[in-house]
Amino acid sequence: MSDKKGTGLKSVVLSALSAAFGVQKRANLERDFQQGKPAHYIIAGIVGTLLFVLILISVVHVVIQNT
């Protein structure tokens, strides 16, 4: 296996989601700090936050229209 294992798009997204919920494993955290690029995790965090906010806005909009 290569040294880059675990730093792909899937790994970055899963790590960002795990960190957002506060349930990331210590081994994954250490792997992220040793092998990952900070910019990838920052971008994933920003995109995840934007998606979360847009979903909340959409849900509120639908609820308000139905009342």
N, C-alpha and C. Protein backbone atom coordinates (compact mmCIF):
# COMPACT_ATOMS: atom_id res chain seq x y z
N MET A 1 0.84 -1.18 0.00
CA MET A 1 0.00 0.00 0.00
C MET A 1 0.88 1.23 0.00
N SER A 2 0.35 2.31 -0.59
CA SER A 2 1.16 3.52 -0.70
C SER A 2 1.07 4.38 0.55
N ASP A 3 1.99 5.34 0.65
CA ASP A 3 1.99 6.26 1.78
C ASP A 3 0.84 7.25 1.71
N LYS A 4 0.26 7.43 0.54
CA LYS A 4 -0.82 8.39 0.35
C LYS A 4 -2.19 7.81 0.70
N LYS A 5 -2.26 6.57 1.14
CA LYS A 5 -3.53 5.93 1.44
C LYS A 5 -4.28 6.75 2.49
N GLY A 6 -5.55 6.98 2.22
CA GLY A 6 -6.36 7.68 3.18
C GLY A 6 -6.41 9.18 3.01
N THR A 7 -5.83 9.73 1.94
CA THR A 7 -5.89 11.17 1.74
C THR A 7 -6.66 11.53 0.48
N GLY A 8 -7.47 10.62 -0.01
CA GLY A 8 -8.29 10.89 -1.18
C GLY A 8 -9.53 11.69 -0.82
N LEU A 9 -10.34 11.99 -1.82
CA LEU A 9 -11.54 12.79 -1.64
C LEU A 9 -12.49 12.16 -0.63
N LYS A 10 -12.70 10.86 -0.74
CA LYS A 10 -13.60 10.17 0.19
C LYS A 10 -13.11 10.29 1.62
N SER A 11 -11.83 10.10 1.82
CA SER A 11 -11.25 10.19 3.15
C SER A 11 -11.36 11.59 3.73
N VAL A 12 -11.13 12.59 2.91
CA VAL A 12 -11.22 13.98 3.37
C VAL A 12 -12.65 14.31 3.77
N VAL A 13 -13.61 13.91 2.94
CA VAL A 13 -15.02 14.19 3.24
C VAL A 13 -15.45 13.46 4.52
N LEU A 14 -15.08 12.20 4.65
CA LEU A 14 -15.45 11.44 5.85
C LEU A 14 -14.79 12.02 7.10
N SER A 15 -13.55 12.44 6.98
CA SER A 15 -12.86 13.05 8.12
C SER A 15 -13.51 14.37 8.52
N ALA A 16 -13.89 15.18 7.53
CA ALA A 16 -14.53 16.46 7.82
C ALA A 16 -15.89 16.23 8.48
N LEU A 17 -16.65 15.26 8.00
CA LEU A 17 -17.95 14.95 8.60
C LEU A 17 -17.79 14.42 10.03
N SER A 18 -16.83 13.54 10.20
CA SER A 18 -16.57 12.99 11.54
C SER A 18 -16.16 14.08 12.52
N ALA A 19 -15.32 14.98 12.05
CA ALA A 19 -14.88 16.08 12.91
C ALA A 19 -16.04 17.01 13.25
N ALA A 20 -16.93 17.23 12.28
CA ALA A 20 -18.08 18.10 12.52
C ALA A 20 -18.98 17.54 13.62
N PHE A 21 -19.11 16.23 13.67
CA PHE A 21 -19.94 15.59 14.69
C PHE A 21 -19.15 15.25 15.94
N GLY A 22 -17.83 15.39 15.89
CA GLY A 22 -16.99 15.14 17.06
C GLY A 22 -16.79 13.66 17.36
N VAL A 23 -16.82 12.81 16.34
CA VAL A 23 -16.70 11.37 16.56
C VAL A 23 -15.53 10.74 15.82
N GLN A 24 -14.55 11.52 15.43
CA GLN A 24 -13.44 10.99 14.66
C GLN A 24 -12.50 10.16 15.54
N LYS A 25 -12.02 9.05 15.00
CA LYS A 25 -11.09 8.18 15.73
C LYS A 25 -9.71 8.83 15.79
N ARG A 26 -8.99 8.52 16.84
CA ARG A 26 -7.64 9.08 17.05
C ARG A 26 -6.71 8.70 15.89
N ALA A 27 -6.81 7.46 15.41
CA ALA A 27 -5.94 7.02 14.31
C ALA A 27 -6.19 7.83 13.04
N ASN A 28 -7.47 8.12 12.76
CA ASN A 28 -7.79 8.92 11.58
C ASN A 28 -7.31 10.36 11.74
N LEU A 29 -7.43 10.89 12.94
CA LEU A 29 -6.95 12.24 13.22
C LEU A 29 -5.45 12.34 12.98
N GLU A 30 -4.71 11.37 13.50
CA GLU A 30 -3.26 11.36 13.32
C GLU A 30 -2.89 11.20 11.85
N ARG A 31 -3.60 10.34 11.13
CA ARG A 31 -3.35 10.17 9.70
C ARG A 31 -3.59 11.47 8.94
N ASP A 32 -4.67 12.16 9.30
CA ASP A 32 -4.98 13.42 8.62
C ASP A 32 -3.88 14.45 8.83
N PHE A 33 -3.36 14.54 10.06
CA PHE A 33 -2.32 15.52 10.34
C PHE A 33 -0.99 15.14 9.71
N GLN A 34 -0.72 13.85 9.58
CA GLN A 34 0.56 13.42 9.02
C GLN A 34 0.56 13.43 7.50
N GLN A 35 -0.53 13.04 6.86
CA GLN A 35 -0.53 12.84 5.41
C GLN A 35 -1.38 13.83 4.64
N GLY A 36 -2.37 14.42 5.29
CA GLY A 36 -3.30 15.29 4.58
C GLY A 36 -2.79 16.71 4.41
N LYS A 37 -3.39 17.40 3.46
CA LYS A 37 -3.07 18.81 3.24
C LYS A 37 -4.16 19.65 3.90
N PRO A 38 -3.76 20.63 4.70
CA PRO A 38 -4.75 21.44 5.41
C PRO A 38 -5.79 22.09 4.49
N ALA A 39 -5.38 22.52 3.31
CA ALA A 39 -6.30 23.18 2.39
C ALA A 39 -7.47 22.27 2.02
N HIS A 40 -7.21 20.98 1.87
CA HIS A 40 -8.27 20.04 1.51
C HIS A 40 -9.32 19.97 2.61
N TYR A 41 -8.88 19.94 3.85
CA TYR A 41 -9.81 19.85 4.98
C TYR A 41 -10.55 21.16 5.20
N ILE A 42 -9.88 22.28 4.96
CA ILE A 42 -10.53 23.59 5.09
C ILE A 42 -11.63 23.72 4.04
N ILE A 43 -11.32 23.35 2.80
CA ILE A 43 -12.32 23.42 1.73
C ILE A 43 -13.49 22.49 2.02
N ALA A 44 -13.20 21.28 2.47
CA ALA A 44 -14.27 20.33 2.81
C ALA A 44 -15.14 20.88 3.93
N GLY A 45 -14.55 21.51 4.91
CA GLY A 45 -15.30 22.10 6.01
C GLY A 45 -16.19 23.24 5.55
N ILE A 46 -15.66 24.10 4.68
CA ILE A 46 -16.44 25.22 4.17
C ILE A 46 -17.60 24.72 3.31
N VAL A 47 -17.34 23.78 2.42
CA VAL A 47 -18.40 23.23 1.57
C VAL A 47 -19.45 22.53 2.42
N GLY A 48 -19.03 21.76 3.40
CA GLY A 48 -19.97 21.07 4.28
C GLY A 48 -20.83 22.04 5.06
N THR A 49 -20.23 23.12 5.55
CA THR A 49 -20.97 24.13 6.29
C THR A 49 -21.98 24.83 5.40
N LEU A 50 -21.57 25.17 4.18
CA LEU A 50 -22.49 25.82 3.24
C LEU A 50 -23.67 24.91 2.90
N LEU A 51 -23.39 23.63 2.67
CA LEU A 51 -24.47 22.69 2.39
C LEU A 51 -25.43 22.58 3.57
N PHE A 52 -24.90 22.52 4.78
CA PHE A 52 -25.71 22.44 5.98
C PHE A 52 -26.62 23.66 6.11
N VAL A 53 -26.06 24.85 5.90
CA VAL A 53 -26.84 26.08 5.99
C VAL A 53 -27.91 26.12 4.91
N LEU A 54 -27.57 25.74 3.69
CA LEU A 54 -28.56 25.74 2.60
C LEU A 54 -29.69 24.76 2.87
N ILE A 55 -29.38 23.61 3.42
CA ILE A 55 -30.41 22.63 3.77
C ILE A 55 -31.32 23.20 4.86
N LEU A 56 -30.75 23.83 5.87
CA LEU A 56 -31.57 24.44 6.93
C LEU A 56 -32.48 25.53 6.38
N ILE A 57 -31.94 26.37 5.52
CA ILE A 57 -32.76 27.42 4.90
C ILE A 57 -33.89 26.81 4.10
N SER A 58 -33.60 25.75 3.34
CA SER A 58 -34.63 25.10 2.54
C SER A 58 -35.72 24.48 3.41
N VAL A 59 -35.33 23.82 4.48
CA VAL A 59 -36.31 23.21 5.39
C VAL A 59 -37.19 24.28 6.02
N VAL A 60 -36.60 25.37 6.48
CA VAL A 60 -37.37 26.46 7.08
C VAL A 60 -38.32 27.06 6.05
N HIS A 61 -37.85 27.24 4.84
CA HIS A 61 -38.69 27.79 3.77
C HIS A 61 -39.90 26.89 3.51
N VAL A 62 -39.68 25.59 3.44
CA VAL A 62 -40.78 24.64 3.20
C VAL A 62 -41.75 24.65 4.37
N VAL A 63 -41.26 24.68 5.59
CA VAL A 63 -42.13 24.69 6.77
C VAL A 63 -42.97 25.96 6.82
N ILE A 64 -42.36 27.09 6.52
CA ILE A 64 -43.08 28.36 6.55
C ILE A 64 -44.16 28.40 5.48
N GLN A 65 -43.88 27.86 4.31
CA GLN A 65 -44.87 27.85 3.23
C GLN A 65 -46.05 26.94 3.57
N ASN A 66 -45.84 25.90 4.33
CA ASN A 66 -46.90 24.94 4.64
C ASN A 66 -47.73 25.34 5.86
N THR A 67 -47.42 26.48 6.48
CA THR A 67 -48.22 26.89 7.65
C THR A 67 -49.17 28.00 7.32
